Amino acid sequence: MVGRGRELAGFAAAGLAAYAADLGLFTYLRGPAGLDPLTAKALSFVAGCSVAYAGNALGTYRHARVRGLRPYALFVAVNLAGAAVQLLCLAVSHHGLGFTSQRADTVSGAGVGMVLATLLRFWGTRTLVFRDGRPERPGPTERSEQIDRNARLEGKGRVERTGGGVGSWTG
């Protein structure tokens, strides 16, 4: 459980740093730089994703040792899916349910939508982007190879053990 707590804390720290970068850059691009809101948000979103990716790759999931552009592209895709969840929550609340006040928009988009999007981002980040750092269960082919290897080793007085032991499903 300590490992999961550290993972959540690292993910949250990377997310807070990304949020600060996104908000700071968006504010600057909208204000002094004078960019239109969509361009400013698109640029700040990419910057925020980059900060979050760096924080997760170098911190939370540093043991995964991912390389190349594919993990970053997956990370951006997961974050775009999270943004879509937030927008969907806002659209359903505002247009579908008729809750049109600023408070209702804030609760649905920045409250409920943010919680659901964060859950999706956490799942996607650990499952799709940085999965190489976690040991995977052997598939059927690997299990049959292990059984064949054990059969050969038994004749020599040695057996290679895998699984969790007594009471384990992988026994």
C-alpha atoms as a PDB file:
ATOM      1  CA  MET A   1       0.000   0.000   0.000  1.00  0.00           C
ATOM      2  CA  VAL A   2       2.944   2.324   0.626  1.00  0.00           C
ATOM      3  CA  GLY A   3       3.934   1.952  -3.034  1.00  0.00           C
ATOM      4  CA  ARG A   4       0.453   2.953  -4.209  1.00  0.00           C
ATOM      5  CA  GLY A   5       0.497   5.962  -1.862  1.00  0.00           C
ATOM      6  CA  ARG A   6       3.823   7.104  -3.259  1.00  0.00           C
ATOM      7  CA  GLU A   7       2.554   6.600  -6.793  1.00  0.00           C
ATOM      8  CA  LEU A   8      -0.544   8.694  -6.085  1.00  0.00           C
ATOM      9  CA  ALA A   9       1.516  11.408  -4.372  1.00  0.00           C
ATOM     10  CA  GLY A  10       3.982  11.547  -7.267  1.00  0.00           C
ATOM     11  CA  PHE A  11       1.171  11.635  -9.818  1.00  0.00           C
ATOM     12  CA  ALA A  12      -0.543  14.445  -7.869  1.00  0.00           C
ATOM     13  CA  ALA A  13       2.696  16.440  -7.570  1.00  0.00           C
ATOM     14  CA  ALA A  14       3.342  16.160 -11.316  1.00  0.00           C
ATOM     15  CA  GLY A  15      -0.275  17.157 -11.961  1.00  0.00           C
ATOM     16  CA  LEU A  16      -0.053  20.219  -9.706  1.00  0.00           C
ATOM     17  CA  ALA A  17       3.143  21.357 -11.421  1.00  0.00           C
ATOM     18  CA  ALA A  18       1.464  20.843 -14.807  1.00  0.00           C
ATOM     19  CA  TYR A  19      -1.600  22.796 -13.691  1.00  0.00           C
ATOM     20  CA  ALA A  20       0.597  25.683 -12.530  1.00  0.00           C
ATOM     21  CA  ALA A  21       2.472  25.703 -15.864  1.00  0.00           C
ATOM     22  CA  ASP A  22      -0.784  25.543 -17.840  1.00  0.00           C
ATOM     23  CA  LEU A  23      -2.456  28.308 -15.854  1.00  0.00           C
ATOM     24  CA  GLY A  24       0.622  30.550 -15.775  1.00  0.00           C
ATOM     25  CA  LEU A  25       1.302  30.253 -19.483  1.00  0.00           C
ATOM     26  CA  PHE A  26      -2.368  30.670 -20.404  1.00  0.00           C
ATOM     27  CA  THR A  27      -2.598  33.826 -18.286  1.00  0.00           C
ATOM     28  CA  TYR A  28       0.546  35.249 -19.874  1.00  0.00           C
ATOM     29  CA  LEU A  29      -0.484  34.357 -23.439  1.00  0.00           C
ATOM     30  CA  ARG A  30      -3.967  35.843 -22.964  1.00  0.00           C
ATOM     31  CA  GLY A  31      -2.690  38.953 -21.187  1.00  0.00           C
ATOM     32  CA  PRO A  32       0.665  40.475 -22.141  1.00  0.00           C
ATOM     33  CA  ALA A  33       1.162  38.326 -25.262  1.00  0.00           C
ATOM     34  CA  GLY A  34      -2.346  39.144 -26.518  1.00  0.00           C
ATOM     35  CA  LEU A  35      -3.168  35.781 -28.100  1.00  0.00           C
ATOM     36  CA  ASP A  36      -6.754  34.663 -28.693  1.00  0.00           C
ATOM     37  CA  PRO A  37      -8.150  32.289 -26.038  1.00  0.00           C
ATOM     38  CA  LEU A  38      -8.116  29.081 -28.111  1.00  0.00           C
ATOM     39  CA  THR A  39      -4.528  29.518 -29.296  1.00  0.00           C
ATOM     40  CA  ALA A  40      -3.419  30.444 -25.785  1.00  0.00           C
ATOM     41  CA  LYS A  41      -5.181  27.405 -24.303  1.00  0.00           C
ATOM     42  CA  ALA A  42      -3.826  25.021 -26.945  1.00  0.00           C
ATOM     43  CA  LEU A  43      -0.261  26.180 -26.269  1.00  0.00           C
ATOM     44  CA  SER A  44      -0.665  26.119 -22.500  1.00  0.00           C
ATOM     45  CA  PHE A  45      -2.241  22.639 -22.702  1.00  0.00           C
ATOM     46  CA  VAL A  46       0.802  21.284 -24.569  1.00  0.00           C
ATOM     47  CA  ALA A  47       3.118  22.944 -22.044  1.00  0.00           C
ATOM     48  CA  GLY A  48       1.132  21.487 -19.142  1.00  0.00           C
ATOM     49  CA  CYS A  49       1.199  18.011 -20.731  1.00  0.00           C
ATOM     50  CA  SER A  50       4.961  18.304 -21.193  1.00  0.00           C
ATOM     51  CA  VAL A  51       5.494  19.287 -17.549  1.00  0.00           C
ATOM     52  CA  ALA A  52       3.247  16.429 -16.352  1.00  0.00           C
ATOM     53  CA  TYR A  53       5.004  13.932 -18.618  1.00  0.00           C
ATOM     54  CA  ALA A  54       8.435  15.031 -17.405  1.00  0.00           C
ATOM     55  CA  GLY A  55       7.308  14.856 -13.769  1.00  0.00           C
ATOM     56  CA  ASN A  56       5.889  11.376 -14.196  1.00  0.00           C
ATOM     57  CA  ALA A  57       8.702  10.035 -16.394  1.00  0.00           C
ATOM     58  CA  LEU A  58      11.507  11.410 -14.214  1.00  0.00           C
ATOM     59  CA  GLY A  59       9.740  11.029 -10.879  1.00  0.00           C
ATOM     60  CA  THR A  60       6.697   8.855 -10.282  1.00  0.00           C
ATOM     61  CA  TYR A  61       7.411   6.260 -12.997  1.00  0.00           C
ATOM     62  CA  ARG A  62      11.189   6.674 -13.352  1.00  0.00           C
ATOM     63  CA  HIS A  63      11.620   2.880 -13.068  1.00  0.00           C
ATOM     64  CA  ALA A  64       9.641   2.405 -16.315  1.00  0.00           C
ATOM     65  CA  ARG A  65      12.484   3.733 -18.494  1.00  0.00           C
ATOM     66  CA  VAL A  66      10.272   4.582 -21.460  1.00  0.00           C
ATOM     67  CA  ARG A  67      11.942   5.957 -24.586  1.00  0.00           C
ATOM     68  CA  GLY A  68      10.986   7.669 -27.802  1.00  0.00           C
ATOM     69  CA  LEU A  69       7.987   9.725 -28.853  1.00  0.00           C
ATOM     70  CA  ARG A  70       5.380   6.956 -28.531  1.00  0.00           C
ATOM     71  CA  PRO A  71       4.982   7.227 -24.729  1.00  0.00           C
ATOM     72  CA  TYR A  72       4.713  11.018 -24.962  1.00  0.00           C
ATOM     73  CA  ALA A  73       2.109  10.741 -27.744  1.00  0.00           C
ATOM     74  CA  LEU A  74       0.127   8.246 -25.634  1.00  0.00           C
ATOM     75  CA  PHE A  75       0.395  10.590 -22.653  1.00  0.00           C
ATOM     76  CA  VAL A  76      -0.965  13.510 -24.691  1.00  0.00           C
ATOM     77  CA  ALA A  77      -3.788  11.273 -25.992  1.00  0.00           C
ATOM     78  CA  VAL A  78      -4.705  10.256 -22.431  1.00  0.00           C
ATOM     79  CA  ASN A  79      -4.728  13.927 -21.408  1.00  0.00           C
ATOM     80  CA  LEU A  80      -6.878  14.859 -24.402  1.00  0.00           C
ATOM     81  CA  ALA A  81      -9.316  12.133 -23.355  1.00  0.00           C
ATOM     82  CA  GLY A  82      -9.334  13.660 -19.865  1.00  0.00           C
ATOM     83  CA  ALA A  83     -10.081  17.088 -21.318  1.00  0.00           C
ATOM     84  CA  ALA A  84     -12.931  15.551 -23.331  1.00  0.00           C
ATOM     85  CA  VAL A  85     -14.394  14.059 -20.136  1.00  0.00           C
ATOM     86  CA  GLN A  86     -14.369  17.504 -18.499  1.00  0.00           C
ATOM     87  CA  LEU A  87     -16.044  19.086 -21.521  1.00  0.00           C
ATOM     88  CA  LEU A  88     -18.618  16.291 -21.668  1.00  0.00           C
ATOM     89  CA  CYS A  89     -19.529  16.793 -17.994  1.00  0.00           C
ATOM     90  CA  LEU A  90     -19.962  20.520 -18.631  1.00  0.00           C
ATOM     91  CA  ALA A  91     -22.021  19.945 -21.794  1.00  0.00           C
ATOM     92  CA  VAL A  92     -24.346  17.415 -20.137  1.00  0.00           C
ATOM     93  CA  SER A  93     -24.903  19.665 -17.123  1.00  0.00           C
ATOM     94  CA  HIS A  94     -25.302  22.928 -19.058  1.00  0.00           C
ATOM     95  CA  HIS A  95     -27.120  21.820 -22.205  1.00  0.00           C
ATOM     96  CA  GLY A  96     -28.609  18.468 -21.239  1.00  0.00           C
ATOM     97  CA  LEU A  97     -29.790  19.121 -17.697  1.00  0.00           C
ATOM     98  CA  GLY A  98     -30.290  22.879 -18.013  1.00  0.00           C
ATOM     99  CA  PHE A  99     -28.001  23.915 -15.135  1.00  0.00           C
ATOM    100  CA  THR A 100     -26.795  27.172 -16.707  1.00  0.00           C
ATOM    101  CA  SER A 101     -25.465  29.232 -13.792  1.00  0.00           C
ATOM    102  CA  GLN A 102     -21.758  29.983 -13.505  1.00  0.00           C
ATOM    103  CA  ARG A 103     -21.674  27.970 -10.267  1.00  0.00           C
ATOM    104  CA  ALA A 104     -23.240  24.927 -11.969  1.00  0.00           C
ATOM    105  CA  ASP A 105     -20.756  25.203 -14.838  1.00  0.00           C
ATOM    106  CA  THR A 106     -17.870  25.366 -12.365  1.00  0.00           C
ATOM    107  CA  VAL A 107     -19.117  22.376 -10.361  1.00  0.00           C
ATOM    108  CA  SER A 108     -19.734  20.234 -13.440  1.00  0.00           C
ATOM    109  CA  GLY A 109     -16.623  21.174 -15.421  1.00  0.00           C
ATOM    110  CA  ALA A 110     -14.012  21.969 -12.793  1.00  0.00           C
ATOM    111  CA  GLY A 111     -15.445  19.770 -10.034  1.00  0.00           C
ATOM    112  CA  VAL A 112     -17.096  16.564 -11.226  1.00  0.00           C
ATOM    113  CA  GLY A 113     -15.378  16.680 -14.614  1.00  0.00           C
ATOM    114  CA  MET A 114     -11.938  17.231 -13.072  1.00  0.00           C
ATOM    115  CA  VAL A 115     -12.357  14.294 -10.667  1.00  0.00           C
ATOM    116  CA  LEU A 116     -13.464  11.925 -13.441  1.00  0.00           C
ATOM    117  CA  ALA A 117     -10.767  13.203 -15.802  1.00  0.00           C
ATOM    118  CA  THR A 118      -8.084  12.758 -13.129  1.00  0.00           C
ATOM    119  CA  LEU A 119      -9.167   9.155 -12.543  1.00  0.00           C
ATOM    120  CA  LEU A 120      -8.993   8.514 -16.292  1.00  0.00           C
ATOM    121  CA  ARG A 121      -5.583  10.197 -16.540  1.00  0.00           C
ATOM    122  CA  PHE A 122      -4.198   8.193 -13.612  1.00  0.00           C
ATOM    123  CA  TRP A 123      -5.454   4.917 -15.080  1.00  0.00           C
ATOM    124  CA  GLY A 124      -4.232   5.796 -18.588  1.00  0.00           C
ATOM    125  CA  THR A 125      -0.850   7.027 -17.410  1.00  0.00           C
ATOM    126  CA  ARG A 126      -0.036   3.933 -15.359  1.00  0.00           C
ATOM    127  CA  THR A 127      -1.693   1.411 -17.682  1.00  0.00           C
ATOM    128  CA  LEU A 128      -0.932   2.693 -21.180  1.00  0.00           C
ATOM    129  CA  VAL A 129       2.048   5.029 -20.936  1.00  0.00           C
ATOM    130  CA  PHE A 130       4.309   3.707 -18.164  1.00  0.00           C
ATOM    131  CA  ARG A 131       3.253   0.055 -18.082  1.00  0.00           C
ATOM    132  CA  ASP A 132       6.775  -1.141 -18.950  1.00  0.00           C
ATOM    133  CA  GLY A 133       7.933  -0.407 -15.413  1.00  0.00           C
ATOM    134  CA  ARG A 134       5.546  -2.879 -13.790  1.00  0.00           C
ATOM    135  CA  PRO A 135       6.119  -6.602 -13.938  1.00  0.00           C
ATOM    136  CA  GLU A 136       3.579  -8.300 -16.150  1.00  0.00           C
ATOM    137  CA  ARG A 137       2.051 -11.708 -15.522  1.00  0.00           C
ATOM    138  CA  PRO A 138       3.336 -14.432 -17.777  1.00  0.00           C
ATOM    139  CA  GLY A 139       0.963 -15.360 -20.570  1.00  0.00           C
ATOM    140  CA  PRO A 140      -0.061 -18.916 -21.533  1.00  0.00           C
ATOM    141  CA  THR A 141       2.994 -19.371 -23.772  1.00  0.00           C
ATOM    142  CA  GLU A 142       5.409 -18.345 -21.028  1.00  0.00           C
ATOM    143  CA  ARG A 143       3.638 -20.630 -18.525  1.00  0.00           C
ATOM    144  CA  SER A 144       3.898 -23.666 -20.810  1.00  0.00           C
ATOM    145  CA  GLU A 145       7.572 -22.878 -21.451  1.00  0.00           C
ATOM    146  CA  GLN A 146       8.065 -22.696 -17.658  1.00  0.00           C
ATOM    147  CA  ILE A 147       6.380 -26.083 -17.220  1.00  0.00           C
ATOM    148  CA  ASP A 148       8.624 -27.602 -19.926  1.00  0.00           C
ATOM    149  CA  ARG A 149      11.704 -26.048 -18.299  1.00  0.00           C
ATOM    150  CA  ASN A 150      10.690 -27.424 -14.885  1.00  0.00           C
ATOM    151  CA  ALA A 151      10.146 -30.900 -16.352  1.00  0.00           C
ATOM    152  CA  ARG A 152      13.704 -30.846 -17.750  1.00  0.00           C
ATOM    153  CA  LEU A 153      15.141 -29.505 -14.483  1.00  0.00           C
ATOM    154  CA  GLU A 154      13.319 -32.079 -12.322  1.00  0.00           C
ATOM    155  CA  GLY A 155      15.377 -34.798 -13.938  1.00  0.00           C
ATOM    156  CA  LYS A 156      18.500 -32.958 -12.761  1.00  0.00           C
ATOM    157  CA  GLY A 157      17.198 -32.418  -9.215  1.00  0.00           C
ATOM    158  CA  ARG A 158      16.415 -28.701  -9.663  1.00  0.00           C
ATOM    159  CA  VAL A 159      13.062 -26.960 -10.080  1.00  0.00           C
ATOM    160  CA  GLU A 160      12.605 -23.292 -10.921  1.00  0.00           C
ATOM    161  CA  ARG A 161       9.854 -21.747  -8.780  1.00  0.00           C
ATOM    162  CA  THR A 162       7.421 -19.099 -10.015  1.00  0.00           C
ATOM    163  CA  GLY A 163       4.243 -17.677  -8.566  1.00  0.00           C
ATOM    164  CA  GLY A 164       3.240 -16.761  -5.091  1.00  0.00           C
ATOM    165  CA  GLY A 165       3.413 -20.055  -3.231  1.00  0.00           C
ATOM    166  CA  VAL A 166       0.877 -21.487  -0.788  1.00  0.00           C
ATOM    167  CA  GLY A 167      -2.615 -20.090  -1.227  1.00  0.00           C
ATOM    168  CA  SER A 168      -1.649 -18.171  -4.344  1.00  0.00           C
ATOM    169  CA  TRP A 169      -3.570 -18.216  -7.601  1.00  0.00           C
ATOM    170  CA  THR A 170      -0.229 -18.355  -9.392  1.00  0.00           C
ATOM    171  CA  GLY A 171       1.029 -21.107  -7.031  1.00  0.00           C
END
